[in-house]
């Protein structure tokens, strides 16, 4: 089950969350016909609508996934792996390609 709230709207499903800028609820009707489909489609819609505008960096994606994992052991492992991988990625792509991860030294 997803952490993103799925509700009912006009006989179908919707995804909703509070807009951090306005505090108002954002709600989008989904095309899904089952709860499982609605959760998958809702997650995709939420990520699409809340992703930072512009180009995403590898570090941003990495940090987002670590946040998604929460307290799972994999999150801790990925932080160590990031220390080894991300500096190489920055060097290969150029010095300003990627910003460091929060909590991870460069």
N, C-alpha and C. Protein backbone atom coordinates (compact mmCIF):
# COMPACT_ATOMS: atom_id res chain seq x y z
N UNK A 1 0.83 -1.18 0.00
CA UNK A 1 0.00 0.00 0.00
C UNK A 1 0.88 1.25 0.00
N UNK A 2 0.45 2.25 -0.73
CA UNK A 2 1.21 3.47 -0.90
C UNK A 2 0.95 4.44 0.25
N UNK A 3 1.91 5.34 0.49
CA UNK A 3 1.72 6.39 1.49
C UNK A 3 0.95 7.57 0.91
N UNK A 4 0.71 7.58 -0.38
CA UNK A 4 0.00 8.66 -1.04
C UNK A 4 -1.49 8.37 -0.94
N UNK A 5 -2.28 9.31 -0.43
CA UNK A 5 -3.71 9.03 -0.21
C UNK A 5 -4.50 8.90 -1.51
N UNK A 6 -5.29 7.86 -1.57
CA UNK A 6 -6.19 7.60 -2.70
C UNK A 6 -7.60 7.75 -2.17
N UNK A 7 -8.42 8.49 -2.88
CA UNK A 7 -9.81 8.68 -2.46
C UNK A 7 -10.77 8.38 -3.60
N UNK A 8 -12.03 8.65 -3.36
CA UNK A 8 -13.06 8.45 -4.36
C UNK A 8 -13.48 9.82 -4.90
N UNK A 9 -13.75 9.87 -6.21
CA UNK A 9 -14.19 11.10 -6.85
C UNK A 9 -15.06 10.76 -8.04
N UNK A 10 -16.30 11.19 -8.01
CA UNK A 10 -17.25 10.99 -9.11
C UNK A 10 -17.31 9.53 -9.59
N UNK A 11 -17.38 8.61 -8.67
CA UNK A 11 -17.50 7.20 -9.01
C UNK A 11 -16.20 6.51 -9.37
N UNK A 12 -15.10 7.24 -9.36
CA UNK A 12 -13.79 6.67 -9.66
C UNK A 12 -12.82 6.95 -8.52
N UNK A 13 -11.56 6.95 -8.84
CA UNK A 13 -10.52 7.19 -7.85
C UNK A 13 -9.84 8.52 -8.10
N UNK A 14 -9.25 9.06 -7.05
CA UNK A 14 -8.45 10.28 -7.17
C UNK A 14 -7.26 10.17 -6.22
N UNK A 15 -6.26 10.99 -6.48
CA UNK A 15 -5.12 11.11 -5.59
C UNK A 15 -5.12 12.56 -5.09
N UNK A 16 -4.76 12.75 -3.82
CA UNK A 16 -4.77 14.11 -3.27
C UNK A 16 -3.67 14.27 -2.24
N UNK A 17 -3.24 15.51 -2.06
CA UNK A 17 -2.24 15.86 -1.06
C UNK A 17 -2.29 17.37 -0.84
N UNK A 18 -1.80 17.86 0.30
CA UNK A 18 -1.79 19.31 0.53
C UNK A 18 -0.67 19.98 -0.25
N UNK A 19 -1.00 21.08 -0.90
CA UNK A 19 0.00 21.86 -1.63
C UNK A 19 0.85 22.61 -0.61
N UNK A 20 2.18 22.40 -0.59
CA UNK A 20 3.02 23.05 0.43
C UNK A 20 3.03 24.58 0.30
N UNK A 21 2.81 25.11 -0.90
CA UNK A 21 2.85 26.56 -1.09
C UNK A 21 1.59 27.25 -0.60
N UNK A 22 0.43 26.67 -0.90
CA UNK A 22 -0.85 27.33 -0.57
C UNK A 22 -1.54 26.70 0.63
N UNK A 23 -1.21 25.48 0.96
CA UNK A 23 -1.88 24.77 2.04
C UNK A 23 -3.20 24.16 1.61
N UNK A 24 -3.63 24.44 0.38
CA UNK A 24 -4.88 23.87 -0.13
C UNK A 24 -4.65 22.46 -0.65
N UNK A 25 -5.72 21.69 -0.71
CA UNK A 25 -5.63 20.33 -1.20
C UNK A 25 -5.55 20.32 -2.73
N UNK A 26 -4.61 19.54 -3.26
CA UNK A 26 -4.54 19.27 -4.70
C UNK A 26 -5.16 17.90 -4.90
N UNK A 27 -6.02 17.79 -5.90
CA UNK A 27 -6.71 16.52 -6.14
C UNK A 27 -6.78 16.29 -7.65
N UNK A 28 -6.45 15.06 -8.06
CA UNK A 28 -6.45 14.69 -9.47
C UNK A 28 -7.26 13.41 -9.65
N UNK A 29 -8.18 13.45 -10.59
CA UNK A 29 -8.97 12.25 -10.90
C UNK A 29 -8.09 11.28 -11.69
N UNK A 30 -8.22 10.00 -11.38
CA UNK A 30 -7.43 8.95 -12.01
C UNK A 30 -8.29 8.14 -12.97
N UNK A 31 -7.66 7.52 -13.95
CA UNK A 31 -8.37 6.68 -14.90
C UNK A 31 -8.52 5.24 -14.42
N UNK A 32 -7.84 4.91 -13.35
CA UNK A 32 -7.82 3.54 -12.83
C UNK A 32 -9.22 3.06 -12.46
N UNK A 33 -9.44 1.74 -12.59
CA UNK A 33 -10.72 1.13 -12.25
C UNK A 33 -10.65 0.25 -11.01
N UNK A 34 -9.44 -0.10 -10.58
CA UNK A 34 -9.28 -0.90 -9.36
C UNK A 34 -8.40 -0.14 -8.38
N UNK A 35 -8.46 -0.53 -7.12
CA UNK A 35 -7.66 0.12 -6.08
C UNK A 35 -6.16 -0.02 -6.37
N UNK A 36 -5.73 -1.20 -6.79
CA UNK A 36 -4.31 -1.43 -7.09
C UNK A 36 -3.84 -0.54 -8.24
N UNK A 37 -4.66 -0.44 -9.28
CA UNK A 37 -4.31 0.43 -10.41
C UNK A 37 -4.27 1.89 -9.96
N UNK A 38 -5.21 2.27 -9.10
CA UNK A 38 -5.28 3.65 -8.61
C UNK A 38 -4.04 3.99 -7.78
N UNK A 39 -3.56 3.07 -6.98
CA UNK A 39 -2.37 3.33 -6.18
C UNK A 39 -1.15 3.54 -7.08
N UNK A 40 -1.01 2.71 -8.11
CA UNK A 40 0.12 2.85 -9.03
C UNK A 40 0.01 4.16 -9.82
N UNK A 41 -1.17 4.44 -10.35
CA UNK A 41 -1.36 5.67 -11.12
C UNK A 41 -1.24 6.90 -10.23
N UNK A 42 -1.76 6.81 -9.01
CA UNK A 42 -1.67 7.92 -8.06
C UNK A 42 -0.24 8.24 -7.70
N UNK A 43 0.57 7.21 -7.48
CA UNK A 43 1.99 7.41 -7.17
C UNK A 43 2.69 8.12 -8.33
N UNK A 44 2.41 7.67 -9.56
CA UNK A 44 3.02 8.29 -10.73
C UNK A 44 2.61 9.75 -10.87
N UNK A 45 1.32 10.03 -10.65
CA UNK A 45 0.81 11.40 -10.76
C UNK A 45 1.44 12.29 -9.69
N UNK A 46 1.51 11.77 -8.46
CA UNK A 46 2.09 12.53 -7.36
C UNK A 46 3.55 12.88 -7.66
N UNK A 47 4.31 11.90 -8.10
CA UNK A 47 5.72 12.15 -8.41
C UNK A 47 5.88 13.14 -9.55
N UNK A 48 5.03 13.03 -10.55
CA UNK A 48 5.09 13.95 -11.69
C UNK A 48 4.78 15.38 -11.25
N UNK A 49 3.78 15.55 -10.41
CA UNK A 49 3.36 16.88 -10.00
C UNK A 49 4.27 17.51 -8.95
N UNK A 50 4.94 16.70 -8.14
CA UNK A 50 5.75 17.26 -7.05
C UNK A 50 7.24 17.25 -7.35
N UNK A 51 7.65 16.70 -8.48
CA UNK A 51 9.07 16.67 -8.83
C UNK A 51 9.57 18.10 -9.08
N UNK A 52 10.80 18.39 -8.72
CA UNK A 52 11.34 19.72 -8.97
C UNK A 52 11.36 20.00 -10.47
N UNK A 53 11.04 21.23 -10.83
CA UNK A 53 11.05 21.62 -12.23
C UNK A 53 12.48 21.77 -12.71
N UNK A 54 12.69 21.53 -13.98
CA UNK A 54 14.04 21.62 -14.53
C UNK A 54 14.68 20.25 -14.56
N UNK A 55 15.97 20.24 -14.76
CA UNK A 55 16.70 18.98 -14.86
C UNK A 55 16.94 18.39 -13.48
N UNK A 56 16.72 17.09 -13.38
CA UNK A 56 17.04 16.37 -12.15
C UNK A 56 18.47 15.88 -12.26
N UNK A 57 19.18 15.92 -11.15
CA UNK A 57 20.54 15.39 -11.13
C UNK A 57 20.51 13.99 -10.53
N UNK A 58 21.58 13.28 -10.74
CA UNK A 58 21.70 11.93 -10.18
C UNK A 58 21.62 12.01 -8.65
N UNK A 59 22.25 13.01 -8.08
CA UNK A 59 22.23 13.18 -6.63
C UNK A 59 20.82 13.43 -6.09
N UNK A 60 20.02 14.22 -6.81
CA UNK A 60 18.65 14.47 -6.38
C UNK A 60 17.82 13.19 -6.42
N UNK A 61 17.98 12.42 -7.47
CA UNK A 61 17.24 11.16 -7.60
C UNK A 61 17.69 10.19 -6.50
N UNK A 62 18.99 10.13 -6.28
CA UNK A 62 19.55 9.25 -5.24
C UNK A 62 18.99 9.62 -3.87
N UNK A 63 19.02 10.91 -3.54
CA UNK A 63 18.52 11.37 -2.24
C UNK A 63 17.02 11.12 -2.10
N UNK A 64 16.29 11.31 -3.17
CA UNK A 64 14.85 11.07 -3.14
C UNK A 64 14.56 9.59 -2.86
N UNK A 65 15.32 8.71 -3.46
CA UNK A 65 15.10 7.29 -3.24
C UNK A 65 15.47 6.90 -1.81
N UNK A 66 16.53 7.47 -1.28
CA UNK A 66 16.90 7.20 0.11
C UNK A 66 15.78 7.67 1.03
N UNK A 67 15.22 8.84 0.77
CA UNK A 67 14.09 9.33 1.57
C UNK A 67 12.90 8.38 1.47
N UNK A 68 12.66 7.87 0.26
CA UNK A 68 11.55 6.94 0.04
C UNK A 68 11.73 5.66 0.86
N UNK A 69 12.96 5.20 0.98
CA UNK A 69 13.24 3.97 1.72
C UNK A 69 13.03 4.14 3.22
N UNK A 70 13.16 5.36 3.70
CA UNK A 70 12.92 5.63 5.11
C UNK A 70 13.94 4.97 6.02
N UNK A 71 13.47 4.13 6.94
CA UNK A 71 14.35 3.51 7.93
C UNK A 71 14.81 2.11 7.54
N UNK A 72 14.54 1.72 6.32
CA UNK A 72 14.98 0.39 5.89
C UNK A 72 16.51 0.33 5.85
N UNK A 73 17.08 -0.84 6.09
CA UNK A 73 18.54 -0.97 6.06
C UNK A 73 19.15 -0.56 4.72
N UNK A 74 18.41 -0.74 3.65
CA UNK A 74 18.92 -0.38 2.32
C UNK A 74 19.23 1.11 2.24
N UNK A 75 18.47 1.95 2.93
CA UNK A 75 18.72 3.40 2.91
C UNK A 75 20.11 3.70 3.46
N UNK A 76 20.46 3.05 4.55
CA UNK A 76 21.79 3.27 5.14
C UNK A 76 22.88 2.77 4.20
N UNK A 77 22.67 1.61 3.60
CA UNK A 77 23.63 1.07 2.65
C UNK A 77 23.81 2.00 1.45
N UNK A 78 22.70 2.54 0.96
CA UNK A 78 22.78 3.44 -0.19
C UNK A 78 23.54 4.71 0.14
N UNK A 79 23.47 5.17 1.39
CA UNK A 79 24.24 6.37 1.74
C UNK A 79 25.73 6.09 1.65
N UNK A 80 26.16 4.89 2.06
CA UNK A 80 27.58 4.53 1.93
C UNK A 80 27.95 4.36 0.46
N UNK A 81 27.09 3.72 -0.31
CA UNK A 81 27.35 3.51 -1.73
C UNK A 81 27.43 4.85 -2.45
N UNK A 82 26.57 5.78 -2.05
CA UNK A 82 26.57 7.11 -2.67
C UNK A 82 27.90 7.83 -2.49
N UNK A 83 28.53 7.63 -1.34
CA UNK A 83 29.83 8.26 -1.11
C UNK A 83 30.87 7.76 -2.10
N UNK A 84 30.73 6.50 -2.51
CA UNK A 84 31.69 5.92 -3.46
C UNK A 84 31.33 6.25 -4.90
N UNK A 85 30.06 6.26 -5.23
CA UNK A 85 29.62 6.41 -6.63
C UNK A 85 29.49 7.86 -7.06
N UNK A 86 28.85 8.68 -6.25
CA UNK A 86 28.52 10.04 -6.69
C UNK A 86 29.72 10.92 -6.99
N UNK A 87 30.82 10.86 -6.25
CA UNK A 87 31.98 11.66 -6.66
C UNK A 87 32.49 11.28 -8.06
N UNK A 88 32.46 10.00 -8.38
CA UNK A 88 32.87 9.57 -9.72
C UNK A 88 31.92 10.14 -10.76
N UNK A 89 30.64 10.12 -10.48
CA UNK A 89 29.63 10.63 -11.40
C UNK A 89 29.85 12.12 -11.65
N UNK A 90 30.18 12.87 -10.61
CA UNK A 90 30.42 14.31 -10.77
C UNK A 90 31.67 14.54 -11.62
N UNK A 91 32.71 13.76 -11.39
CA UNK A 91 33.95 13.93 -12.14
C UNK A 91 33.74 13.59 -13.61
N UNK A 92 33.02 12.51 -13.89
CA UNK A 92 32.80 12.08 -15.27
C UNK A 92 31.92 13.05 -16.03
N UNK A 93 30.97 13.68 -15.36
CA UNK A 93 30.01 14.55 -16.05
C UNK A 93 30.41 16.03 -15.98
N UNK A 94 31.38 16.35 -15.21
CA UNK A 94 31.77 17.75 -15.05
C UNK A 94 31.59 18.17 -13.61
N UNK A 95 32.32 19.17 -13.17
CA UNK A 95 32.32 19.53 -11.75
C UNK A 95 30.99 20.05 -11.23
N UNK A 96 30.20 20.72 -12.06
CA UNK A 96 28.95 21.26 -11.55
C UNK A 96 27.73 20.48 -12.01
N UNK A 97 27.95 19.23 -12.46
CA UNK A 97 26.82 18.41 -12.92
C UNK A 97 25.88 18.06 -11.77
N UNK A 98 26.43 17.82 -10.63
CA UNK A 98 25.64 17.27 -9.54
C UNK A 98 26.03 17.94 -8.24
N UNK A 99 25.07 18.20 -7.42
CA UNK A 99 25.34 18.72 -6.08
C UNK A 99 25.41 17.53 -5.14
N UNK A 100 26.09 17.67 -4.05
CA UNK A 100 26.21 16.57 -3.10
C UNK A 100 24.88 16.23 -2.44
N UNK A 101 24.83 15.09 -1.82
CA UNK A 101 23.65 14.69 -1.09
C UNK A 101 23.66 15.30 0.30
N UNK A 102 22.49 15.64 0.81
CA UNK A 102 22.45 16.13 2.19
C UNK A 102 22.98 15.06 3.14
N UNK A 103 23.88 15.44 4.00
CA UNK A 103 24.41 14.50 4.98
C UNK A 103 25.55 13.65 4.45
N UNK A 104 25.90 13.78 3.17
CA UNK A 104 26.99 13.01 2.61
C UNK A 104 28.13 13.95 2.21
N UNK A 105 29.31 13.73 2.71
CA UNK A 105 30.44 14.60 2.34
C UNK A 105 30.83 14.34 0.89
N UNK A 106 31.31 15.36 0.26
CA UNK A 106 31.80 15.21 -1.13
C UNK A 106 33.20 14.70 -1.15
